[in-house]
Every structure is written in structure tokens, then in C-alpha cells.
Amino acid sequence: MSPLLDQLLTTPMGWLAIAVTVLSIALTVAIHLFLRRKIRESEAAAREGNEPPR
């Protein structure tokens, strides 16, 4: 096994690095999807002419 994989998979710090990486990617995707949905809702409301007051 390569030294990099050995450090990542056999030490607690390696597992922490993997977890933080996965969490940050998941959070980025979740924020992107949330904002995209909100923008779509806002554009649909503007097209219908009943945009909620801000």
C-alpha cells in the first residue's frame, strides 16, 4: 500500500481528514441545491406577478 493511503486509512487523523472532506463536499452540494430551489421559486413567483414582500 502506498504511504499516503497507509496514513489515511490507518490513523485517526487520516479518518478525520476523510470525514471533513466528505462533510465539506456534502455541505457545498446541499447549499447549492437549496439556493437553486429558492431562486427557481423566486423566479416563478415573479413570473406569476405575486412576488412576496421582502
Protein backbone atom coordinates (compact mmCIF):
# COMPACT_ATOMS: atom_id res chain seq x y z
CA MET A 1 0.00 0.00 0.00
CA SER A 2 1.27 3.47 -0.75
CA PRO A 3 2.43 5.59 2.21
CA LEU A 4 -0.33 8.13 1.59
CA LEU A 5 -3.09 5.53 1.70
CA ASP A 6 -1.44 3.92 4.69
CA GLN A 7 -1.57 7.21 6.62
CA LEU A 8 -5.14 7.98 5.54
CA LEU A 9 -6.62 4.58 6.35
CA THR A 10 -4.70 3.52 9.43
CA THR A 11 -4.55 6.64 11.59
CA PRO A 12 -7.30 8.57 13.35
CA MET A 13 -6.03 11.78 11.75
CA GLY A 14 -6.44 10.19 8.31
CA TRP A 15 -10.03 9.19 9.04
CA LEU A 16 -10.71 12.70 10.35
CA ALA A 17 -9.34 14.17 7.13
CA ILE A 18 -11.57 11.88 5.08
CA ALA A 19 -14.63 12.77 7.18
CA VAL A 20 -14.01 16.51 6.95
CA THR A 21 -13.55 16.29 3.19
CA VAL A 22 -16.77 14.34 2.71
CA LEU A 23 -18.67 16.67 5.03
CA SER A 24 -17.47 19.80 3.25
CA ILE A 25 -18.42 18.38 -0.16
CA ALA A 26 -21.86 17.35 1.12
CA LEU A 27 -22.43 20.78 2.66
CA THR A 28 -21.43 22.51 -0.58
CA VAL A 29 -23.84 20.38 -2.61
CA ALA A 30 -26.67 20.91 -0.11
CA ILE A 31 -26.23 24.69 -0.12
CA HIS A 32 -26.09 24.73 -3.91
CA LEU A 33 -29.31 22.71 -4.21
CA PHE A 34 -31.08 24.84 -1.60
CA LEU A 35 -30.13 28.11 -3.30
CA ARG A 36 -31.08 26.79 -6.73
CA ARG A 37 -34.52 25.79 -5.43
CA LYS A 38 -35.05 29.18 -3.77
CA ILE A 39 -34.03 31.03 -6.96
CA ARG A 40 -36.44 28.92 -9.01
CA GLU A 41 -39.28 29.62 -6.57
CA SER A 42 -38.50 33.32 -6.64
CA GLU A 43 -38.43 33.43 -10.44
CA ALA A 44 -41.71 31.50 -10.66
CA ALA A 45 -43.36 33.90 -8.21
CA ALA A 46 -42.04 36.90 -10.18
CA ARG A 47 -43.42 35.44 -13.43
CA GLU A 48 -46.84 34.96 -11.83
CA GLY A 49 -46.75 38.50 -10.55
CA ASN A 50 -47.30 37.64 -6.92
CA GLU A 51 -43.82 38.01 -5.51
CA PRO A 52 -43.95 38.02 -1.70
CA PRO A 53 -42.90 41.22 0.07
CA ARG A 54 -39.33 41.26 1.31
